[in-house]
PDB file of N, CA and C in Angstrom:
ATOM      1  N   MET A   1       1.661   2.790 -35.017  1.00  0.00           N
ATOM      2  CA  MET A   1       1.986   1.379 -35.077  1.00  0.00           C
ATOM      3  C   MET A   1       1.187   0.606 -34.037  1.00  0.00           C
ATOM      4  N   PRO A   2       0.154  -0.087 -34.456  1.00  0.00           N
ATOM      5  CA  PRO A   2      -0.699  -0.805 -33.506  1.00  0.00           C
ATOM      6  C   PRO A   2       0.036  -1.930 -32.774  1.00  0.00           C
ATOM      7  N   ASN A   3       1.079  -2.493 -33.361  1.00  0.00           N
ATOM      8  CA  ASN A   3       1.808  -3.568 -32.696  1.00  0.00           C
ATOM      9  C   ASN A   3       2.488  -3.105 -31.413  1.00  0.00           C
ATOM     10  N   LEU A   4       2.855  -1.824 -31.351  1.00  0.00           N
ATOM     11  CA  LEU A   4       3.468  -1.299 -30.134  1.00  0.00           C
ATOM     12  C   LEU A   4       2.485  -1.303 -28.970  1.00  0.00           C
ATOM     13  N   ASP A   5       1.196  -1.280 -29.256  1.00  0.00           N
ATOM     14  CA  ASP A   5       0.185  -1.333 -28.200  1.00  0.00           C
ATOM     15  C   ASP A   5       0.237  -2.660 -27.445  1.00  0.00           C
ATOM     16  N   LEU A   6       0.743  -3.684 -28.092  1.00  0.00           N
ATOM     17  CA  LEU A   6       0.828  -5.007 -27.472  1.00  0.00           C
ATOM     18  C   LEU A   6       2.033  -5.153 -26.547  1.00  0.00           C
ATOM     19  N   LEU A   7       2.991  -4.264 -26.656  1.00  0.00           N
ATOM     20  CA  LEU A   7       4.233  -4.394 -25.900  1.00  0.00           C
ATOM     21  C   LEU A   7       4.039  -4.487 -24.382  1.00  0.00           C
ATOM     22  N   PRO A   8       3.255  -3.605 -23.758  1.00  0.00           N
ATOM     23  CA  PRO A   8       3.075  -3.737 -22.305  1.00  0.00           C
ATOM     24  C   PRO A   8       2.467  -5.083 -21.906  1.00  0.00           C
ATOM     25  N   SER A   9       1.485  -5.556 -22.659  1.00  0.00           N
ATOM     26  CA  SER A   9       0.865  -6.843 -22.339  1.00  0.00           C
ATOM     27  C   SER A   9       1.858  -7.985 -22.510  1.00  0.00           C
ATOM     28  N   LEU A  10       2.645  -7.921 -23.561  1.00  0.00           N
ATOM     29  CA  LEU A  10       3.670  -8.938 -23.785  1.00  0.00           C
ATOM     30  C   LEU A  10       4.672  -8.959 -22.641  1.00  0.00           C
ATOM     31  N   LEU A  11       5.143  -7.794 -22.249  1.00  0.00           N
ATOM     32  CA  LEU A  11       6.113  -7.721 -21.155  1.00  0.00           C
ATOM     33  C   LEU A  11       5.510  -8.216 -19.842  1.00  0.00           C
ATOM     34  N   GLN A  12       4.236  -7.945 -19.620  1.00  0.00           N
ATOM     35  CA  GLN A  12       3.556  -8.427 -18.420  1.00  0.00           C
ATOM     36  C   GLN A  12       3.532  -9.952 -18.396  1.00  0.00           C
ATOM     37  N   LYS A  13       3.219 -10.560 -19.526  1.00  0.00           N
ATOM     38  CA  LYS A  13       3.169 -12.029 -19.605  1.00  0.00           C
ATOM     39  C   LYS A  13       4.559 -12.631 -19.418  1.00  0.00           C
ATOM     40  N   ILE A  14       5.574 -12.011 -19.992  1.00  0.00           N
ATOM     41  CA  ILE A  14       6.946 -12.483 -19.798  1.00  0.00           C
ATOM     42  C   ILE A  14       7.333 -12.386 -18.331  1.00  0.00           C
ATOM     43  N   ASN A  15       6.951 -11.303 -17.682  1.00  0.00           N
ATOM     44  CA  ASN A  15       7.237 -11.134 -16.256  1.00  0.00           C
ATOM     45  C   ASN A  15       6.521 -12.195 -15.430  1.00  0.00           C
ATOM     46  N   GLU A  16       5.272 -12.481 -15.752  1.00  0.00           N
ATOM     47  CA  GLU A  16       4.534 -13.527 -15.035  1.00  0.00           C
ATOM     48  C   GLU A  16       5.218 -14.884 -15.194  1.00  0.00           C
ATOM     49  N   ASN A  17       5.691 -15.176 -16.406  1.00  0.00           N
ATOM     50  CA  ASN A  17       6.416 -16.426 -16.638  1.00  0.00           C
ATOM     51  C   ASN A  17       7.693 -16.482 -15.807  1.00  0.00           C
ATOM     52  N   GLN A  18       8.384 -15.371 -15.740  1.00  0.00           N
ATOM     53  CA  GLN A  18       9.627 -15.305 -14.970  1.00  0.00           C
ATOM     54  C   GLN A  18       9.366 -15.580 -13.494  1.00  0.00           C
ATOM     55  N   ILE A  19       8.308 -15.019 -12.955  1.00  0.00           N
ATOM     56  CA  ILE A  19       7.967 -15.216 -11.543  1.00  0.00           C
ATOM     57  C   ILE A  19       7.563 -16.671 -11.302  1.00  0.00           C
ATOM     58  N   ALA A  20       6.832 -17.256 -12.249  1.00  0.00           N
ATOM     59  CA  ALA A  20       6.455 -18.667 -12.117  1.00  0.00           C
ATOM     60  C   ALA A  20       7.690 -19.567 -12.140  1.00  0.00           C
ATOM     61  N   LEU A  21       8.622 -19.275 -13.017  1.00  0.00           N
ATOM     62  CA  LEU A  21       9.866 -20.045 -13.071  1.00  0.00           C
ATOM     63  C   LEU A  21      10.662 -19.895 -11.781  1.00  0.00           C
ATOM     64  N   GLU A  22      10.682 -18.676 -11.236  1.00  0.00           N
ATOM     65  CA  GLU A  22      11.363 -18.448  -9.965  1.00  0.00           C
ATOM     66  C   GLU A  22      10.774 -19.336  -8.872  1.00  0.00           C
ATOM     67  N   ALA A  23       9.451 -19.394  -8.808  1.00  0.00           N
ATOM     68  CA  ALA A  23       8.787 -20.206  -7.785  1.00  0.00           C
ATOM     69  C   ALA A  23       9.096 -21.689  -7.968  1.00  0.00           C
ATOM     70  N   ALA A  24       9.075 -22.151  -9.213  1.00  0.00           N
ATOM     71  CA  ALA A  24       9.363 -23.561  -9.477  1.00  0.00           C
ATOM     72  C   ALA A  24      10.806 -23.913  -9.121  1.00  0.00           C
ATOM     73  N   ILE A  25      11.719 -23.043  -9.482  1.00  0.00           N
ATOM     74  CA  ILE A  25      13.134 -23.295  -9.175  1.00  0.00           C
ATOM     75  C   ILE A  25      13.378 -23.238  -7.668  1.00  0.00           C
ATOM     76  N   MET A  26      12.662 -22.358  -6.976  1.00  0.00           N
ATOM     77  CA  MET A  26      12.793 -22.294  -5.513  1.00  0.00           C
ATOM     78  C   MET A  26      12.314 -23.596  -4.881  1.00  0.00           C
ATOM     79  N   GLU A  27      11.226 -24.153  -5.395  1.00  0.00           N
ATOM     80  CA  GLU A  27      10.743 -25.450  -4.899  1.00  0.00           C
ATOM     81  C   GLU A  27      11.809 -26.526  -5.093  1.00  0.00           C
ATOM     82  N   LEU A  28      12.436 -26.522  -6.242  1.00  0.00           N
ATOM     83  CA  LEU A  28      13.499 -27.493  -6.501  1.00  0.00           C
ATOM     84  C   LEU A  28      14.693 -27.289  -5.576  1.00  0.00           C
ATOM     85  N   SER A  29      15.036 -26.036  -5.298  1.00  0.00           N
ATOM     86  CA  SER A  29      16.166 -25.790  -4.394  1.00  0.00           C
ATOM     87  C   SER A  29      15.833 -26.249  -2.974  1.00  0.00           C
ATOM     88  N   ASN A  30      14.574 -26.092  -2.563  1.00  0.00           N
ATOM     89  CA  ASN A  30      14.156 -26.603  -1.250  1.00  0.00           C
ATOM     90  C   ASN A  30      14.265 -28.124  -1.202  1.00  0.00           C
ATOM     91  N   TRP A  31      13.857 -28.775  -2.282  1.00  0.00           N
ATOM     92  CA  TRP A  31      13.927 -30.231  -2.384  1.00  0.00           C
ATOM     93  C   TRP A  31      15.389 -30.700  -2.318  1.00  0.00           C
ATOM     94  N   VAL A  32      16.252 -30.001  -3.031  1.00  0.00           N
ATOM     95  CA  VAL A  32      17.682 -30.331  -3.027  1.00  0.00           C
ATOM     96  C   VAL A  32      18.257 -30.153  -1.623  1.00  0.00           C
ATOM     97  N   GLU A  33      17.884 -29.068  -0.965  1.00  0.00           N
ATOM     98  CA  GLU A  33      18.389 -28.798   0.387  1.00  0.00           C
ATOM     99  C   GLU A  33      17.947 -29.888   1.367  1.00  0.00           C
ATOM    100  N   GLN A  34      16.698 -30.345   1.253  1.00  0.00           N
ATOM    101  CA  GLN A  34      16.194 -31.392   2.133  1.00  0.00           C
ATOM    102  C   GLN A  34      16.957 -32.698   1.961  1.00  0.00           C
ATOM    103  N   ARG A  35      17.600 -32.851   0.834  1.00  0.00           N
ATOM    104  CA  ARG A  35      18.369 -34.060   0.568  1.00  0.00           C
ATOM    105  C   ARG A  35      19.851 -33.883   0.842  1.00  0.00           C
ATOM    106  N   GLY A  36      20.194 -32.797   1.528  1.00  0.00           N
ATOM    107  CA  GLY A  36      21.547 -32.619   2.029  1.00  0.00           C
ATOM    108  C   GLY A  36      22.498 -31.808   1.182  1.00  0.00           C
ATOM    109  N   SER A  37      22.012 -31.189   0.115  1.00  0.00           N
ATOM    110  CA  SER A  37      22.900 -30.391  -0.735  1.00  0.00           C
ATOM    111  C   SER A  37      22.706 -28.909  -0.455  1.00  0.00           C
ATOM    112  N   ASP A  38      23.117 -28.496   0.735  1.00  0.00           N
ATOM    113  CA  ASP A  38      22.933 -27.105   1.141  1.00  0.00           C
ATOM    114  C   ASP A  38      23.657 -26.126   0.217  1.00  0.00           C
ATOM    115  N   ASP A  39      24.865 -26.479  -0.203  1.00  0.00           N
ATOM    116  CA  ASP A  39      25.637 -25.580  -1.066  1.00  0.00           C
ATOM    117  C   ASP A  39      24.916 -25.327  -2.391  1.00  0.00           C
ATOM    118  N   VAL A  40      24.391 -26.374  -2.981  1.00  0.00           N
ATOM    119  CA  VAL A  40      23.670 -26.231  -4.260  1.00  0.00           C
ATOM    120  C   VAL A  40      22.427 -25.370  -4.053  1.00  0.00           C
ATOM    121  N   ALA A  41      21.677 -25.646  -3.019  1.00  0.00           N
ATOM    122  CA  ALA A  41      20.455 -24.880  -2.746  1.00  0.00           C
ATOM    123  C   ALA A  41      20.778 -23.401  -2.528  1.00  0.00           C
ATOM    124  N   ASN A  42      21.833 -23.119  -1.790  1.00  0.00           N
ATOM    125  CA  ASN A  42      22.224 -21.733  -1.550  1.00  0.00           C
ATOM    126  C   ASN A  42      22.676 -21.045  -2.831  1.00  0.00           C
ATOM    127  N   ASN A  43      23.377 -21.774  -3.687  1.00  0.00           N
ATOM    128  CA  ASN A  43      23.792 -21.197  -4.974  1.00  0.00           C
ATOM    129  C   ASN A  43      22.590 -20.859  -5.841  1.00  0.00           C
ATOM    130  N   VAL A  44      21.603 -21.742  -5.842  1.00  0.00           N
ATOM    131  CA  VAL A  44      20.390 -21.490  -6.622  1.00  0.00           C
ATOM    132  C   VAL A  44      19.668 -20.265  -6.077  1.00  0.00           C
ATOM    133  N   ARG A  45      19.509 -20.190  -4.783  1.00  0.00           N
ATOM    134  CA  ARG A  45      18.817 -19.036  -4.180  1.00  0.00           C
ATOM    135  C   ARG A  45      19.566 -17.740  -4.445  1.00  0.00           C
ATOM    136  N   SER A  46      20.865 -17.811  -4.438  1.00  0.00           N
ATOM    137  CA  SER A  46      21.665 -16.627  -4.730  1.00  0.00           C
ATOM    138  C   SER A  46      21.417 -16.159  -6.163  1.00  0.00           C
ATOM    139  N   ALA A  47      21.374 -17.095  -7.088  1.00  0.00           N
ATOM    140  CA  ALA A  47      21.106 -16.740  -8.484  1.00  0.00           C
ATOM    141  C   ALA A  47      19.695 -16.180  -8.643  1.00  0.00           C
ATOM    142  N   LEU A  48      18.738 -16.717  -7.916  1.00  0.00           N
ATOM    143  CA  LEU A  48      17.351 -16.247  -8.005  1.00  0.00           C
ATOM    144  C   LEU A  48      17.158 -14.861  -7.395  1.00  0.00           C
ATOM    145  N   SER A  49      18.082 -14.435  -6.567  1.00  0.00           N
ATOM    146  CA  SER A  49      17.925 -13.136  -5.905  1.00  0.00           C
ATOM    147  C   SER A  49      17.858 -11.991  -6.912  1.00  0.00           C
ATOM    148  N   THR A  50      18.441 -12.162  -8.079  1.00  0.00           N
ATOM    149  CA  THR A  50      18.375 -11.126  -9.113  1.00  0.00           C
ATOM    150  C   THR A  50      16.928 -10.879  -9.527  1.00  0.00           C
ATOM    151  N   ILE A  51      16.157 -11.949  -9.651  1.00  0.00           N
ATOM    152  CA  ILE A  51      14.743 -11.796 -10.008  1.00  0.00           C
ATOM    153  C   ILE A  51      14.029 -10.976  -8.944  1.00  0.00           C
ATOM    154  N   SER A  52      14.266 -11.302  -7.693  1.00  0.00           N
ATOM    155  CA  SER A  52      13.612 -10.573  -6.602  1.00  0.00           C
ATOM    156  C   SER A  52      14.032  -9.108  -6.575  1.00  0.00           C
ATOM    157  N   LYS A  53      15.308  -8.861  -6.801  1.00  0.00           N
ATOM    158  CA  LYS A  53      15.806  -7.479  -6.777  1.00  0.00           C
ATOM    159  C   LYS A  53      15.181  -6.638  -7.882  1.00  0.00           C
ATOM    160  N   ASN A  54      14.934  -7.237  -9.031  1.00  0.00           N
ATOM    161  CA  ASN A  54      14.415  -6.485 -10.173  1.00  0.00           C
ATOM    162  C   ASN A  54      12.896  -6.451 -10.250  1.00  0.00           C
ATOM    163  N   GLU A  55      12.222  -7.233  -9.457  1.00  0.00           N
ATOM    164  CA  GLU A  55      10.774  -7.376  -9.570  1.00  0.00           C
ATOM    165  C   GLU A  55      10.020  -6.066  -9.352  1.00  0.00           C
ATOM    166  N   GLU A  56      10.392  -5.308  -8.349  1.00  0.00           N
ATOM    167  CA  GLU A  56       9.688  -4.055  -8.063  1.00  0.00           C
ATOM    168  C   GLU A  56       9.824  -3.068  -9.225  1.00  0.00           C
ATOM    169  N   PHE A  57      11.039  -2.937  -9.760  1.00  0.00           N
ATOM    170  CA  PHE A  57      11.257  -2.027 -10.889  1.00  0.00           C
ATOM    171  C   PHE A  57      10.450  -2.463 -12.105  1.00  0.00           C
ATOM    172  N   ILE A  58      10.456  -3.755 -12.389  1.00  0.00           N
ATOM    173  CA  ILE A  58       9.715  -4.274 -13.537  1.00  0.00           C
ATOM    174  C   ILE A  58       8.220  -3.987 -13.371  1.00  0.00           C
ATOM    175  N   ASN A  59       7.683  -4.250 -12.189  1.00  0.00           N
ATOM    176  CA  ASN A  59       6.256  -4.008 -11.953  1.00  0.00           C
ATOM    177  C   ASN A  59       5.908  -2.526 -12.067  1.00  0.00           C
ATOM    178  N   MET A  60       6.764  -1.658 -11.541  1.00  0.00           N
ATOM    179  CA  MET A  60       6.515  -0.218 -11.649  1.00  0.00           C
ATOM    180  C   MET A  60       6.536   0.225 -13.108  1.00  0.00           C
ATOM    181  N   THR A  61       7.517  -0.245 -13.852  1.00  0.00           N
ATOM    182  CA  THR A  61       7.642   0.136 -15.252  1.00  0.00           C
ATOM    183  C   THR A  61       6.450  -0.368 -16.069  1.00  0.00           C
ATOM    184  N   LEU A  62       6.034  -1.593 -15.815  1.00  0.00           N
ATOM    185  CA  LEU A  62       4.863  -2.123 -16.519  1.00  0.00           C
ATOM    186  C   LEU A  62       3.612  -1.319 -16.192  1.00  0.00           C
ATOM    187  N   ALA A  63       3.466  -0.923 -14.941  1.00  0.00           N
ATOM    188  CA  ALA A  63       2.306  -0.118 -14.556  1.00  0.00           C
ATOM    189  C   ALA A  63       2.287   1.206 -15.291  1.00  0.00           C
ATOM    190  N   VAL A  64       3.446   1.839 -15.413  1.00  0.00           N
ATOM    191  CA  VAL A  64       3.534   3.114 -16.130  1.00  0.00           C
ATOM    192  C   VAL A  64       3.199   2.913 -17.613  1.00  0.00           C
ATOM    193  N   MET A  65       3.707   1.818 -18.194  1.00  0.00           N
ATOM    194  CA  MET A  65       3.426   1.545 -19.599  1.00  0.00           C
ATOM    195  C   MET A  65       1.944   1.276 -19.827  1.00  0.00           C
ATOM    196  N   MET A  66       1.303   0.572 -18.897  1.00  0.00           N
ATOM    197  CA  MET A  66      -0.115   0.261 -19.029  1.00  0.00           C
ATOM    198  C   MET A  66      -0.975   1.508 -18.884  1.00  0.00           C
ATOM    199  N   GLU A  67      -0.527   2.466 -18.056  1.00  0.00           N
ATOM    200  CA  GLU A  67      -1.273   3.725 -17.886  1.00  0.00           C
ATOM    201  C   GLU A  67      -1.297   4.514 -19.182  1.00  0.00           C
ATOM    202  N   GLY A  68      -0.251   4.391 -19.974  1.00  0.00           N
ATOM    203  CA  GLY A  68      -0.148   5.140 -21.210  1.00  0.00           C
ATOM    204  C   GLY A  68      -1.137   4.703 -22.262  1.00  0.00           C
ATOM    205  N   ASP A  69      -1.805   3.592 -22.051  1.00  0.00           N
ATOM    206  CA  ASP A  69      -2.770   3.088 -23.052  1.00  0.00           C
ATOM    207  C   ASP A  69      -4.046   3.878 -23.067  1.00  0.00           C
TER     208      ASP A  69
END
């Protein structure tokens, strides 16, 4: 199935999008914090921590999948 060959590349692009969204949302949380909404900014950062926690595993898994090509 040649379409399965595209899976690692697709997952890599999805991961890149996720990291870009994380960075954009972090910028917004910094902006919110500067305007005095510390609680909101902290809640956003707490939610974003899941992305950071999973990033290493995702990158390792993608690397293994890419090696298989």
